Each structure stands twice: as C-alpha cells, then as structure tokens.
C-alpha atoms as a PDB file:
ATOM      1  CA  UNK A   1    -151.377  52.858  44.314  1.00  0.00           C
ATOM      2  CA  UNK A   2    -152.352  53.560  40.496  1.00  0.00           C
ATOM      3  CA  UNK A   3    -154.230  51.266  38.932  1.00  0.00           C
ATOM      4  CA  UNK A   4    -153.637  49.167  36.191  1.00  0.00           C
ATOM      5  CA  UNK A   5    -155.551  46.609  33.510  1.00  0.00           C
ATOM      6  CA  UNK A   6    -153.807  43.393  33.516  1.00  0.00           C
ATOM      7  CA  UNK A   7    -152.653  42.376  29.913  1.00  0.00           C
ATOM      8  CA  UNK A   8    -154.594  40.047  28.072  1.00  0.00           C
ATOM      9  CA  UNK A   9    -152.990  36.145  27.855  1.00  0.00           C
ATOM     10  CA  UNK A  10    -150.902  36.436  24.147  1.00  0.00           C
ATOM     11  CA  UNK A  11    -153.112  34.745  21.367  1.00  0.00           C
ATOM     12  CA  UNK A  12    -151.743  31.594  19.462  1.00  0.00           C
ATOM     13  CA  UNK A  13    -153.049  30.475  16.477  1.00  0.00           C
ATOM     14  CA  UNK A  14    -152.777  26.707  16.226  1.00  0.00           C
ATOM     15  CA  UNK A  15    -152.413  25.429  12.656  1.00  0.00           C
ATOM     16  CA  UNK A  16    -152.402  21.767  11.690  1.00  0.00           C
ATOM     17  CA  UNK A  17    -154.564  19.209  10.138  1.00  0.00           C
ATOM     18  CA  UNK A  18    -154.490  16.178  12.605  1.00  0.00           C
ATOM     19  CA  UNK A  19    -157.236  17.009  15.274  1.00  0.00           C
ATOM     20  CA  UNK A  20    -154.919  14.804  18.116  1.00  0.00           C
ATOM     21  CA  UNK A  21    -152.186  16.825  17.629  1.00  0.00           C
ATOM     22  CA  UNK A  22    -153.885  19.913  17.769  1.00  0.00           C
ATOM     23  CA  UNK A  23    -155.811  18.803  21.385  1.00  0.00           C
ATOM     24  CA  UNK A  24    -152.122  18.635  22.554  1.00  0.00           C
ATOM     25  CA  UNK A  25    -151.092  22.103  21.582  1.00  0.00           C
ATOM     26  CA  UNK A  26    -153.760  23.568  23.020  1.00  0.00           C
ATOM     27  CA  UNK A  27    -154.200  21.792  26.263  1.00  0.00           C
ATOM     28  CA  UNK A  28    -150.212  22.438  26.761  1.00  0.00           C
ATOM     29  CA  UNK A  29    -150.402  25.890  25.634  1.00  0.00           C
ATOM     30  CA  UNK A  30    -154.268  26.961  27.544  1.00  0.00           C
ATOM     31  CA  UNK A  31    -152.373  25.129  30.770  1.00  0.00           C
ATOM     32  CA  UNK A  32    -149.721  27.957  30.244  1.00  0.00           C
ATOM     33  CA  UNK A  33    -151.846  30.247  30.498  1.00  0.00           C
ATOM     34  CA  UNK A  34    -152.432  31.508  26.444  1.00  0.00           C
ATOM     35  CA  UNK A  35    -154.723  31.509  24.701  1.00  0.00           C
ATOM     36  CA  UNK A  36    -155.820  29.633  21.500  1.00  0.00           C
ATOM     37  CA  UNK A  37    -157.685  29.465  18.141  1.00  0.00           C
ATOM     38  CA  UNK A  38    -157.514  26.569  15.940  1.00  0.00           C
ATOM     39  CA  UNK A  39    -157.516  25.779  11.860  1.00  0.00           C
ATOM     40  CA  UNK A  40    -157.321  22.690  10.110  1.00  0.00           C
ATOM     41  CA  UNK A  41    -155.565  24.008   7.012  1.00  0.00           C
ATOM     42  CA  UNK A  42    -153.597  26.767   5.352  1.00  0.00           C
ATOM     43  CA  UNK A  43    -156.554  28.028   3.777  1.00  0.00           C
ATOM     44  CA  UNK A  44    -158.470  28.737   7.415  1.00  0.00           C
ATOM     45  CA  UNK A  45    -155.886  30.113   8.992  1.00  0.00           C
ATOM     46  CA  UNK A  46    -155.479  32.857   6.798  1.00  0.00           C
ATOM     47  CA  UNK A  47    -158.759  33.461   7.197  1.00  0.00           C
ATOM     48  CA  UNK A  48    -158.617  33.605  11.065  1.00  0.00           C
ATOM     49  CA  UNK A  49    -155.251  35.331  11.176  1.00  0.00           C
ATOM     50  CA  UNK A  50    -157.032  38.398   9.512  1.00  0.00           C
ATOM     51  CA  UNK A  51    -159.744  37.974  12.227  1.00  0.00           C
ATOM     52  CA  UNK A  52    -158.183  37.637  15.182  1.00  0.00           C
ATOM     53  CA  UNK A  53    -154.535  38.797  14.674  1.00  0.00           C
ATOM     54  CA  UNK A  54    -152.775  36.277  16.999  1.00  0.00           C
ATOM     55  CA  UNK A  55    -149.427  36.890  18.585  1.00  0.00           C
ATOM     56  CA  UNK A  56    -147.670  33.680  17.461  1.00  0.00           C
ATOM     57  CA  UNK A  57    -148.632  30.873  14.326  1.00  0.00           C
ATOM     58  CA  UNK A  58    -148.040  27.444  15.537  1.00  0.00           C
ATOM     59  CA  UNK A  59    -147.491  25.927  11.801  1.00  0.00           C
ATOM     60  CA  UNK A  60    -147.796  22.337  11.000  1.00  0.00           C
ATOM     61  CA  UNK A  61    -145.753  22.154   7.859  1.00  0.00           C
ATOM     62  CA  UNK A  62    -147.593  19.375   6.056  1.00  0.00           C
ATOM     63  CA  UNK A  63    -150.575  19.627   5.494  1.00  0.00           C
ATOM     64  CA  UNK A  64    -152.939  18.985   2.442  1.00  0.00           C
ATOM     65  CA  UNK A  65    -154.200  21.305  -0.527  1.00  0.00           C
ATOM     66  CA  UNK A  66    -152.163  24.293   0.996  1.00  0.00           C
ATOM     67  CA  UNK A  67    -148.907  23.354   3.361  1.00  0.00           C
ATOM     68  CA  UNK A  68    -147.336  25.380   5.947  1.00  0.00           C
ATOM     69  CA  UNK A  69    -144.779  26.687   3.688  1.00  0.00           C
ATOM     70  CA  UNK A  70    -147.046  27.859   1.286  1.00  0.00           C
ATOM     71  CA  UNK A  71    -149.477  29.636   4.695  1.00  0.00           C
ATOM     72  CA  UNK A  72    -146.621  31.178   5.634  1.00  0.00           C
ATOM     73  CA  UNK A  73    -145.881  32.758   2.383  1.00  0.00           C
ATOM     74  CA  UNK A  74    -148.990  34.152   2.376  1.00  0.00           C
ATOM     75  CA  UNK A  75    -149.145  35.221   5.720  1.00  0.00           C
ATOM     76  CA  UNK A  76    -145.969  37.623   5.091  1.00  0.00           C
ATOM     77  CA  UNK A  77    -148.059  39.394   2.519  1.00  0.00           C
ATOM     78  CA  UNK A  78    -150.712  40.457   4.611  1.00  0.00           C
ATOM     79  CA  UNK A  79    -150.734  43.744   6.747  1.00  0.00           C
ATOM     80  CA  UNK A  80    -149.892  42.404   9.977  1.00  0.00           C
ATOM     81  CA  UNK A  81    -148.423  38.979   8.915  1.00  0.00           C
ATOM     82  CA  UNK A  82    -144.798  39.995   8.446  1.00  0.00           C
ATOM     83  CA  UNK A  83    -144.453  41.603  12.033  1.00  0.00           C
ATOM     84  CA  UNK A  84    -145.869  38.140  13.909  1.00  0.00           C
ATOM     85  CA  UNK A  85    -144.072  35.060  14.562  1.00  0.00           C
ATOM     86  CA  UNK A  86    -144.552  31.481  13.039  1.00  0.00           C
ATOM     87  CA  UNK A  87    -143.464  28.901  14.500  1.00  0.00           C
ATOM     88  CA  UNK A  88    -142.959  25.482  12.067  1.00  0.00           C
ATOM     89  CA  UNK A  89    -144.033  22.646  13.701  1.00  0.00           C
ATOM     90  CA  UNK A  90    -142.266  19.877  11.102  1.00  0.00           C
ATOM     91  CA  UNK A  91    -141.819  15.635  11.058  1.00  0.00           C
ATOM     92  CA  UNK A  92    -139.065  16.648   8.129  1.00  0.00           C
ATOM     93  CA  UNK A  93    -135.480  17.114   9.740  1.00  0.00           C
ATOM     94  CA  UNK A  94    -133.610  17.684   6.298  1.00  0.00           C
ATOM     95  CA  UNK A  95    -131.577  20.687   5.929  1.00  0.00           C
ATOM     96  CA  UNK A  96    -133.807  21.328   2.999  1.00  0.00           C
ATOM     97  CA  UNK A  97    -136.949  21.442   4.487  1.00  0.00           C
ATOM     98  CA  UNK A  98    -135.467  23.456   7.506  1.00  0.00           C
ATOM     99  CA  UNK A  99    -133.517  26.109   5.037  1.00  0.00           C
ATOM    100  CA  UNK A 100    -137.147  26.113   3.181  1.00  0.00           C
ATOM    101  CA  UNK A 101    -139.372  27.094   6.452  1.00  0.00           C
ATOM    102  CA  UNK A 102    -136.724  29.722   7.249  1.00  0.00           C
ATOM    103  CA  UNK A 103    -136.919  31.048   3.646  1.00  0.00           C
ATOM    104  CA  UNK A 104    -140.707  31.317   3.332  1.00  0.00           C
ATOM    105  CA  UNK A 105    -140.473  33.616   7.002  1.00  0.00           C
ATOM    106  CA  UNK A 106    -140.693  31.143   9.733  1.00  0.00           C
ATOM    107  CA  UNK A 107    -138.676  32.542  12.706  1.00  0.00           C
ATOM    108  CA  UNK A 108    -138.180  28.958  14.450  1.00  0.00           C
ATOM    109  CA  UNK A 109    -139.355  25.410  13.819  1.00  0.00           C
ATOM    110  CA  UNK A 110    -139.552  22.172  16.209  1.00  0.00           C
ATOM    111  CA  UNK A 111    -140.045  18.934  14.852  1.00  0.00           C
ATOM    112  CA  UNK A 112    -142.352  15.826  15.710  1.00  0.00           C
ATOM    113  CA  UNK A 113    -142.701  13.971  17.836  1.00  0.00           C
ATOM    114  CA  UNK A 114    -142.982  17.181  19.748  1.00  0.00           C
ATOM    115  CA  UNK A 115    -140.780  17.937  22.854  1.00  0.00           C
ATOM    116  CA  UNK A 116    -143.211  19.788  24.943  1.00  0.00           C
ATOM    117  CA  UNK A 117    -140.729  21.524  27.129  1.00  0.00           C
ATOM    118  CA  UNK A 118    -138.496  23.084  24.199  1.00  0.00           C
ATOM    119  CA  UNK A 119    -141.763  23.837  22.204  1.00  0.00           C
ATOM    120  CA  UNK A 120    -142.878  25.677  25.460  1.00  0.00           C
ATOM    121  CA  UNK A 121    -139.926  27.874  26.101  1.00  0.00           C
ATOM    122  CA  UNK A 122    -139.638  28.537  22.733  1.00  0.00           C
ATOM    123  CA  UNK A 123    -143.655  29.949  22.302  1.00  0.00           C
ATOM    124  CA  UNK A 124    -142.246  31.690  25.656  1.00  0.00           C
ATOM    125  CA  UNK A 125    -139.229  33.749  23.706  1.00  0.00           C
ATOM    126  CA  UNK A 126    -140.705  34.086  20.719  1.00  0.00           C
ATOM    127  CA  UNK A 127    -143.865  36.092  22.157  1.00  0.00           C
ATOM    128  CA  UNK A 128    -141.410  38.184  24.477  1.00  0.00           C
ATOM    129  CA  UNK A 129    -139.807  38.724  21.039  1.00  0.00           C
ATOM    130  CA  UNK A 130    -142.581  40.018  19.227  1.00  0.00           C
ATOM    131  CA  UNK A 131    -143.727  41.929  22.233  1.00  0.00           C
ATOM    132  CA  UNK A 132    -140.468  44.134  22.160  1.00  0.00           C
ATOM    133  CA  UNK A 133    -140.352  44.085  18.372  1.00  0.00           C
ATOM    134  CA  UNK A 134    -144.180  45.955  18.706  1.00  0.00           C
ATOM    135  CA  UNK A 135    -143.198  48.238  21.343  1.00  0.00           C
ATOM    136  CA  UNK A 136    -139.970  48.995  19.827  1.00  0.00           C
ATOM    137  CA  UNK A 137    -141.244  49.853  16.818  1.00  0.00           C
ATOM    138  CA  UNK A 138    -144.028  52.101  18.656  1.00  0.00           C
ATOM    139  CA  UNK A 139    -141.863  54.231  19.611  1.00  0.00           C
ATOM    140  CA  UNK A 140    -139.958  54.358  16.748  1.00  0.00           C
ATOM    141  CA  UNK A 141    -143.392  55.446  15.206  1.00  0.00           C
ATOM    142  CA  UNK A 142    -143.665  58.180  18.156  1.00  0.00           C
ATOM    143  CA  UNK A 143    -140.548  59.117  17.613  1.00  0.00           C
ATOM    144  CA  UNK A 144    -141.025  60.093  13.866  1.00  0.00           C
ATOM    145  CA  UNK A 145    -144.017  61.443  14.645  1.00  0.00           C
ATOM    146  CA  UNK A 146    -142.510  63.868  16.727  1.00  0.00           C
ATOM    147  CA  UNK A 147    -139.370  65.067  14.512  1.00  0.00           C
ATOM    148  CA  UNK A 148    -142.356  66.353  11.676  1.00  0.00           C
ATOM    149  CA  UNK A 149    -144.641  68.298  14.400  1.00  0.00           C
ATOM    150  CA  UNK A 150    -143.923  71.583  15.751  1.00  0.00           C
ATOM    151  CA  UNK A 151    -143.855  70.983  19.775  1.00  0.00           C
ATOM    152  CA  UNK A 152    -146.079  74.233  21.006  1.00  0.00           C
ATOM    153  CA  UNK A 153    -148.701  74.277  18.210  1.00  0.00           C
ATOM    154  CA  UNK A 154    -148.846  70.326  17.451  1.00  0.00           C
ATOM    155  CA  UNK A 155    -148.947  71.284  13.473  1.00  0.00           C
ATOM    156  CA  UNK A 156    -146.562  69.682  11.134  1.00  0.00           C
ATOM    157  CA  UNK A 157    -143.055  71.764  11.421  1.00  0.00           C
ATOM    158  CA  UNK A 158    -140.745  73.400   9.234  1.00  0.00           C
ATOM    159  CA  UNK A 159    -138.892  69.974   8.477  1.00  0.00           C
ATOM    160  CA  UNK A 160    -141.777  68.321   8.020  1.00  0.00           C
ATOM    161  CA  UNK A 161    -143.134  71.735   5.718  1.00  0.00           C
ATOM    162  CA  UNK A 162    -140.649  71.376   3.417  1.00  0.00           C
ATOM    163  CA  UNK A 163    -140.974  67.545   2.935  1.00  0.00           C
ATOM    164  CA  UNK A 164    -144.151  67.341   1.900  1.00  0.00           C
ATOM    165  CA  UNK A 165    -144.404  70.829  -0.244  1.00  0.00           C
ATOM    166  CA  UNK A 166    -141.514  69.544  -2.284  1.00  0.00           C
ATOM    167  CA  UNK A 167    -143.261  66.072  -2.568  1.00  0.00           C
ATOM    168  CA  UNK A 168    -146.438  67.492  -3.740  1.00  0.00           C
ATOM    169  CA  UNK A 169    -144.798  69.781  -5.747  1.00  0.00           C
ATOM    170  CA  UNK A 170    -143.259  66.756  -7.388  1.00  0.00           C
ATOM    171  CA  UNK A 171    -146.531  64.589  -7.974  1.00  0.00           C
ATOM    172  CA  UNK A 172    -148.596  67.423  -9.236  1.00  0.00           C
ATOM    173  CA  UNK A 173    -145.706  67.984 -11.843  1.00  0.00           C
ATOM    174  CA  UNK A 174    -146.052  64.452 -12.818  1.00  0.00           C
ATOM    175  CA  UNK A 175    -149.828  64.769 -13.061  1.00  0.00           C
ATOM    176  CA  UNK A 176    -149.925  68.267 -14.265  1.00  0.00           C
ATOM    177  CA  UNK A 177    -152.479  69.874 -11.852  1.00  0.00           C
ATOM    178  CA  UNK A 178    -152.449  72.708  -9.696  1.00  0.00           C
ATOM    179  CA  UNK A 179    -150.654  73.038  -6.112  1.00  0.00           C
ATOM    180  CA  UNK A 180    -151.976  75.948  -3.589  1.00  0.00           C
ATOM    181  CA  UNK A 181    -150.288  77.364  -0.941  1.00  0.00           C
ATOM    182  CA  UNK A 182    -151.283  79.343   1.712  1.00  0.00           C
ATOM    183  CA  UNK A 183    -148.604  81.268   4.116  1.00  0.00           C
ATOM    184  CA  UNK A 184    -150.476  83.103   7.056  1.00  0.00           C
ATOM    185  CA  UNK A 185    -148.557  85.649   9.277  1.00  0.00           C
ATOM    186  CA  UNK A 186    -150.080  86.677  12.676  1.00  0.00           C
ATOM    187  CA  UNK A 187    -150.376  90.416  12.721  1.00  0.00           C
ATOM    188  CA  UNK A 188    -148.493  92.345  15.478  1.00  0.00           C
ATOM    189  CA  UNK A 189    -147.285  89.021  17.446  1.00  0.00           C
ATOM    190  CA  UNK A 190    -144.102  90.970  18.215  1.00  0.00           C
ATOM    191  CA  UNK A 191    -146.260  93.369  19.995  1.00  0.00           C
ATOM    192  CA  UNK A 192    -149.052  90.982  21.320  1.00  0.00           C
ATOM    193  CA  UNK A 193    -146.262  89.187  23.045  1.00  0.00           C
ATOM    194  CA  UNK A 194    -144.335  92.791  24.617  1.00  0.00           C
ATOM    195  CA  UNK A 195    -148.133  93.757  25.787  1.00  0.00           C
ATOM    196  CA  UNK A 196    -149.375  90.275  27.104  1.00  0.00           C
ATOM    197  CA  UNK A 197    -146.251  88.333  28.215  1.00  0.00           C
ATOM    198  CA  UNK A 198    -144.731  85.261  26.342  1.00  0.00           C
ATOM    199  CA  UNK A 199    -146.728  82.723  27.679  1.00  0.00           C
ATOM    200  CA  UNK A 200    -149.949  84.650  26.548  1.00  0.00           C
ATOM    201  CA  UNK A 201    -148.299  84.641  23.282  1.00  0.00           C
ATOM    202  CA  UNK A 202    -147.307  80.862  23.335  1.00  0.00           C
ATOM    203  CA  UNK A 203    -151.105  80.145  23.926  1.00  0.00           C
ATOM    204  CA  UNK A 204    -152.349  82.467  21.158  1.00  0.00           C
ATOM    205  CA  UNK A 205    -150.187  80.414  18.301  1.00  0.00           C
ATOM    206  CA  UNK A 206    -151.691  77.175  19.765  1.00  0.00           C
ATOM    207  CA  UNK A 207    -155.151  78.829  19.607  1.00  0.00           C
ATOM    208  CA  UNK A 208    -154.096  80.098  15.886  1.00  0.00           C
ATOM    209  CA  UNK A 209    -153.027  76.538  14.565  1.00  0.00           C
ATOM    210  CA  UNK A 210    -156.331  74.757  16.166  1.00  0.00           C
ATOM    211  CA  UNK A 211    -158.260  77.637  14.264  1.00  0.00           C
ATOM    212  CA  UNK A 212    -156.562  76.927  10.981  1.00  0.00           C
ATOM    213  CA  UNK A 213    -156.743  73.179  11.631  1.00  0.00           C
ATOM    214  CA  UNK A 214    -160.574  73.653  11.957  1.00  0.00           C
ATOM    215  CA  UNK A 215    -160.935  74.834   8.110  1.00  0.00           C
ATOM    216  CA  UNK A 216    -158.636  72.035   6.809  1.00  0.00           C
ATOM    217  CA  UNK A 217    -160.993  68.973   6.160  1.00  0.00           C
ATOM    218  CA  UNK A 218    -158.853  67.125   3.750  1.00  0.00           C
ATOM    219  CA  UNK A 219    -156.460  64.259   4.665  1.00  0.00           C
ATOM    220  CA  UNK A 220    -153.806  65.404   1.960  1.00  0.00           C
ATOM    221  CA  UNK A 221    -154.078  69.293   3.615  1.00  0.00           C
ATOM    222  CA  UNK A 222    -151.397  70.034   5.870  1.00  0.00           C
ATOM    223  CA  UNK A 223    -151.062  73.241   8.333  1.00  0.00           C
ATOM    224  CA  UNK A 224    -147.491  73.675   9.312  1.00  0.00           C
ATOM    225  CA  UNK A 225    -145.604  76.046  11.450  1.00  0.00           C
ATOM    226  CA  UNK A 226    -143.869  77.267   9.386  1.00  0.00           C
ATOM    227  CA  UNK A 227    -141.627  79.879  12.072  1.00  0.00           C
ATOM    228  CA  UNK A 228    -142.235  81.879  14.582  1.00  0.00           C
ATOM    229  CA  UNK A 229    -145.879  83.286  14.290  1.00  0.00           C
ATOM    230  CA  UNK A 230    -145.914  82.097  10.517  1.00  0.00           C
ATOM    231  CA  UNK A 231    -148.177  79.581   9.565  1.00  0.00           C
ATOM    232  CA  UNK A 232    -148.466  77.473   6.314  1.00  0.00           C
ATOM    233  CA  UNK A 233    -151.071  75.642   4.435  1.00  0.00           C
ATOM    234  CA  UNK A 234    -150.182  73.103   1.774  1.00  0.00           C
ATOM    235  CA  UNK A 235    -153.490  71.984  -0.529  1.00  0.00           C
ATOM    236  CA  UNK A 236    -152.684  69.491  -3.478  1.00  0.00           C
ATOM    237  CA  UNK A 237    -155.027  69.473  -6.460  1.00  0.00           C
ATOM    238  CA  UNK A 238    -156.025  73.171  -5.225  1.00  0.00           C
ATOM    239  CA  UNK A 239    -157.310  75.595  -7.521  1.00  0.00           C
ATOM    240  CA  UNK A 240    -157.425  79.413  -7.165  1.00  0.00           C
ATOM    241  CA  UNK A 241    -160.766  79.730  -6.272  1.00  0.00           C
ATOM    242  CA  UNK A 242    -160.580  76.629  -3.691  1.00  0.00           C
ATOM    243  CA  UNK A 243    -157.694  78.198  -2.076  1.00  0.00           C
ATOM    244  CA  UNK A 244    -158.556  81.840  -1.828  1.00  0.00           C
ATOM    245  CA  UNK A 245    -162.005  80.564  -0.153  1.00  0.00           C
ATOM    246  CA  UNK A 246    -160.045  78.490   2.123  1.00  0.00           C
ATOM    247  CA  UNK A 247    -157.712  81.543   3.153  1.00  0.00           C
ATOM    248  CA  UNK A 248    -160.770  83.887   3.697  1.00  0.00           C
ATOM    249  CA  UNK A 249    -161.585  80.722   5.961  1.00  0.00           C
ATOM    250  CA  UNK A 250    -159.098  80.820   7.675  1.00  0.00           C
ATOM    251  CA  UNK A 251    -158.387  84.486   8.896  1.00  0.00           C
ATOM    252  CA  UNK A 252    -162.409  84.257   9.861  1.00  0.00           C
ATOM    253  CA  UNK A 253    -161.710  81.559  11.643  1.00  0.00           C
ATOM    254  CA  UNK A 254    -158.812  83.426  13.641  1.00  0.00           C
ATOM    255  CA  UNK A 255    -160.622  86.834  14.051  1.00  0.00           C
ATOM    256  CA  UNK A 256    -163.573  84.906  15.390  1.00  0.00           C
ATOM    257  CA  UNK A 257    -161.256  83.193  18.346  1.00  0.00           C
ATOM    258  CA  UNK A 258    -161.450  87.344  19.613  1.00  0.00           C
ATOM    259  CA  UNK A 259    -158.337  87.284  21.733  1.00  0.00           C
ATOM    260  CA  UNK A 260    -157.724  90.834  22.725  1.00  0.00           C
ATOM    261  CA  UNK A 261    -154.743  92.744  21.057  1.00  0.00           C
ATOM    262  CA  UNK A 262    -155.119  96.264  21.976  1.00  0.00           C
ATOM    263  CA  UNK A 263    -151.910  97.106  20.802  1.00  0.00           C
ATOM    264  CA  UNK A 264    -152.453  95.973  17.352  1.00  0.00           C
ATOM    265  CA  UNK A 265    -152.540  98.267  14.312  1.00  0.00           C
ATOM    266  CA  UNK A 266    -155.030  96.107  12.402  1.00  0.00           C
ATOM    267  CA  UNK A 267    -157.951  95.476  14.569  1.00  0.00           C
ATOM    268  CA  UNK A 268    -158.897  94.938  18.803  1.00  0.00           C
ATOM    269  CA  UNK A 269    -158.504  91.321  18.298  1.00  0.00           C
ATOM    270  CA  UNK A 270    -155.849  89.119  16.964  1.00  0.00           C
ATOM    271  CA  UNK A 271    -155.692  88.474  13.048  1.00  0.00           C
ATOM    272  CA  UNK A 272    -153.630  87.383  10.702  1.00  0.00           C
ATOM    273  CA  UNK A 273    -152.660  88.130   6.762  1.00  0.00           C
ATOM    274  CA  UNK A 274    -152.106  85.552   4.311  1.00  0.00           C
ATOM    275  CA  UNK A 275    -150.914  85.407   1.022  1.00  0.00           C
ATOM    276  CA  UNK A 276    -151.779  82.682  -1.652  1.00  0.00           C
ATOM    277  CA  UNK A 277    -150.234  81.375  -4.421  1.00  0.00           C
ATOM    278  CA  UNK A 278    -151.173  78.747  -7.220  1.00  0.00           C
ATOM    279  CA  UNK A 279    -149.513  77.221  -9.479  1.00  0.00           C
ATOM    280  CA  UNK A 280    -148.971  73.950 -11.783  1.00  0.00           C
ATOM    281  CA  UNK A 281    -145.860  72.810 -11.485  1.00  0.00           C
ATOM    282  CA  UNK A 282    -143.548  72.773 -14.412  1.00  0.00           C
ATOM    283  CA  UNK A 283    -141.817  69.222 -14.449  1.00  0.00           C
ATOM    284  CA  UNK A 284    -137.789  69.489 -12.475  1.00  0.00           C
ATOM    285  CA  UNK A 285    -139.104  72.822 -11.397  1.00  0.00           C
ATOM    286  CA  UNK A 286    -138.415  74.027  -7.740  1.00  0.00           C
ATOM    287  CA  UNK A 287    -140.801  74.157  -4.822  1.00  0.00           C
ATOM    288  CA  UNK A 288    -139.367  77.585  -3.716  1.00  0.00           C
ATOM    289  CA  UNK A 289    -141.404  79.167  -6.951  1.00  0.00           C
ATOM    290  CA  UNK A 290    -144.705  78.935  -5.022  1.00  0.00           C
ATOM    291  CA  UNK A 291    -143.413  79.832  -1.725  1.00  0.00           C
ATOM    292  CA  UNK A 292    -141.920  83.023  -2.958  1.00  0.00           C
ATOM    293  CA  UNK A 293    -144.791  83.229  -4.974  1.00  0.00           C
ATOM    294  CA  UNK A 294    -147.054  82.816  -2.004  1.00  0.00           C
ATOM    295  CA  UNK A 295    -144.472  85.148   0.291  1.00  0.00           C
ATOM    296  CA  UNK A 296    -144.919  87.878  -2.142  1.00  0.00           C
ATOM    297  CA  UNK A 297    -148.961  87.946  -2.024  1.00  0.00           C
ATOM    298  CA  UNK A 298    -148.147  88.065   2.138  1.00  0.00           C
ATOM    299  CA  UNK A 299    -145.989  90.478   1.613  1.00  0.00           C
ATOM    300  CA  UNK A 300    -148.876  92.825  -0.011  1.00  0.00           C
ATOM    301  CA  UNK A 301    -151.771  91.293   1.957  1.00  0.00           C
ATOM    302  CA  UNK A 302    -149.518  93.073   5.049  1.00  0.00           C
ATOM    303  CA  UNK A 303    -148.629  96.494   3.190  1.00  0.00           C
ATOM    304  CA  UNK A 304    -151.916  96.844   2.470  1.00  0.00           C
ATOM    305  CA  UNK A 305    -153.438  97.059   5.919  1.00  0.00           C
ATOM    306  CA  UNK A 306    -153.052  93.286   7.179  1.00  0.00           C
ATOM    307  CA  UNK A 307    -155.975  91.432   8.307  1.00  0.00           C
ATOM    308  CA  UNK A 308    -156.662  89.999   5.027  1.00  0.00           C
ATOM    309  CA  UNK A 309    -155.696  87.694   2.268  1.00  0.00           C
ATOM    310  CA  UNK A 310    -153.834  88.467  -0.513  1.00  0.00           C
ATOM    311  CA  UNK A 311    -154.013  86.186  -3.743  1.00  0.00           C
ATOM    312  CA  UNK A 312    -150.986  85.910  -6.361  1.00  0.00           C
ATOM    313  CA  UNK A 313    -151.628  83.492  -8.907  1.00  0.00           C
ATOM    314  CA  UNK A 314    -149.277  82.607 -12.192  1.00  0.00           C
ATOM    315  CA  UNK A 315    -150.524  82.990 -15.676  1.00  0.00           C
ATOM    316  CA  UNK A 316    -149.733  79.176 -17.250  1.00  0.00           C
ATOM    317  CA  UNK A 317    -149.356  81.172 -20.898  1.00  0.00           C
ATOM    318  CA  UNK A 318    -147.079  83.802 -19.152  1.00  0.00           C
ATOM    319  CA  UNK A 319    -144.370  84.811 -16.754  1.00  0.00           C
ATOM    320  CA  UNK A 320    -146.026  87.297 -15.586  1.00  0.00           C
ATOM    321  CA  UNK A 321    -148.292  87.528 -12.223  1.00  0.00           C
ATOM    322  CA  UNK A 322    -151.601  89.356 -10.960  1.00  0.00           C
ATOM    323  CA  UNK A 323    -152.631  90.139  -7.729  1.00  0.00           C
ATOM    324  CA  UNK A 324    -155.976  89.801  -6.515  1.00  0.00           C
ATOM    325  CA  UNK A 325    -156.880  91.825  -3.081  1.00  0.00           C
ATOM    326  CA  UNK A 326    -159.323  90.024  -0.672  1.00  0.00           C
ATOM    327  CA  UNK A 327    -160.263  92.472   2.103  1.00  0.00           C
ATOM    328  CA  UNK A 328    -161.851  90.819   5.492  1.00  0.00           C
ATOM    329  CA  UNK A 329    -164.833  89.696   5.667  1.00  0.00           C
ATOM    330  CA  UNK A 330    -167.522  91.622   7.220  1.00  0.00           C
END
C-alpha cells in the first residue's frame, strides 16, 4: 500500500477588530478542522499574511484606521495576495458596499450577524476553488516549461532559443551592450550513432548537454539544443574575451567526459566544435545576424580539424569580419 503524507489543514486568517467576533469565528472554524490565525486590524493582517501565507482571509469590512476595503486592495498588490480568496464580513447590506467589496477583490461576502451554516459552506467552497486554481496554475506552469524544454536533453529547445535570442538581441540593442552566441556541434555524431547505436547516441547527447550546462553559471545565460547534435549558448552582456573563454571551457568539459568514440576523425573520445560570435546589435536589426555569424565560425572550426572553437567578431567600425582560431586545449 502506498504511503501518502496527509495534507495540512487549511489555514484561515481572521481579521476583525472585535475580540468576541474573532473568538466566535476561531472556535467555529477550528471545529470544522481548519487552522486559524488572527489580526485585530488591517495593518497587522497584511504583516501576518506575508508571514503565514493563509489559504483564505475572512476580512471585516468596517475597522478603524485601515478598513477591510483598503486592506483587501493592498492584499491584491502582494506577491500571493491576488491568488488568495478574501471573504468579506460586513454589517452593511447596501448595494454600494457590496459592489465595493467585489471591486477591491473580495470573492464573496457574508453579513453580520453571521449565519454560521452559510459561512461554513462558503469557506469550504472557496478553499476548494482555491486549491483547484492552484493545481491548475501549477499544471499550466509545468506545461509552459515543457513547451520550452527539449525532452531528451532537458535544456531549452529550439523554440525557446529563438524566443530568448530575439528578446536579448532587442534588449542589447536598446542598451548598446554586447550579445555573444556559441554554436556547438558534436563531432562525427552520425558515425557515433552508426557505431554505438541510437540509445548510446541519446545518452551521449544528454551527457554533452549536462557538460555544457556545467560551464554556464549566470542566470541570464541559456543553453539550448539547437537541433540534432547541435547546441547553443546565449550570453547576454558578454564581450568576445568572455565568450571565447567559455567556449574553450565547454569544449574541454565535453572532452573530459571521455566518452569513447573510436570512429571519430578528431579524437578517440567524443568532442565538439564550437563557433563563437559577438555583436552589439543595431536597433531594429534581426537576431539572425548573430546566428549566421556563429554558424560561419562553427563551419570554420569544422574545416580546420574540429575539436576546437573558432571566433567570429564583427568590428563596430566596419562591416568586415575577422576570424580567430582557438585550437583544442592540451
């Protein structure tokens, strides 16, 4: 039989300036199996909310200093406030007060004197709806993540690469800062697949992806599977020296895996070739420019023996490009 950890009872924050009302609410809700926390005014409610992150807030509308309407408005501005249901408790039944409660973000309301069976049912329904909403949002976040992740290697996929490259290209154009790109290709990968089989080939790509990721430490840098046995590393705010240093580190990291590849013409183990490009984008230009430049550098790395990286830098004062070769490290 599968062991499961029971879920903790839902936590309800009770906000009311009258101690007797708070005590009534606390006892009633605890009898239903809920945990409770209390605040006697709106300001303390905001502090306690951030500390405890309750599942629902029962909020008195009429309180001194900071009333329930203003407190609810401020709750919506907090990180998790907009996802937490607020049930307004009010002695006002006029249409204007009811409308205002919903305008400031309350999900529902009950009137004083409190009809306890109605309160219990509304609390139960709101908590169920909140939990369902949280599950849906978590599932949606996971779906969005999967849409952008390569299933085999668990790095960013081609779609995510193009989105992020376009985003950073425009951002670097706006700030007039350099964007660097490394394109990597596993050397003689077809021969590897033919010799060792596709399952070994898949495992090889997974290890190569992890090796590349191990060299990338900044949160803004993104490793992606560009296609087949080709990978890319997007490096915002990175100058040529930093990009070529990282490219050399990536080549070394893959070589140090020591994955046997006896049919390679570059080495006896799996290696990669890398092309590096750095540009300060011109506003309204196309990010395809840096991809083309890195691809040309990668082609040169392959033509000059593989198992190395090649740098392709655009001079800011001229459309002329120059190439720097960086052979494999000893």
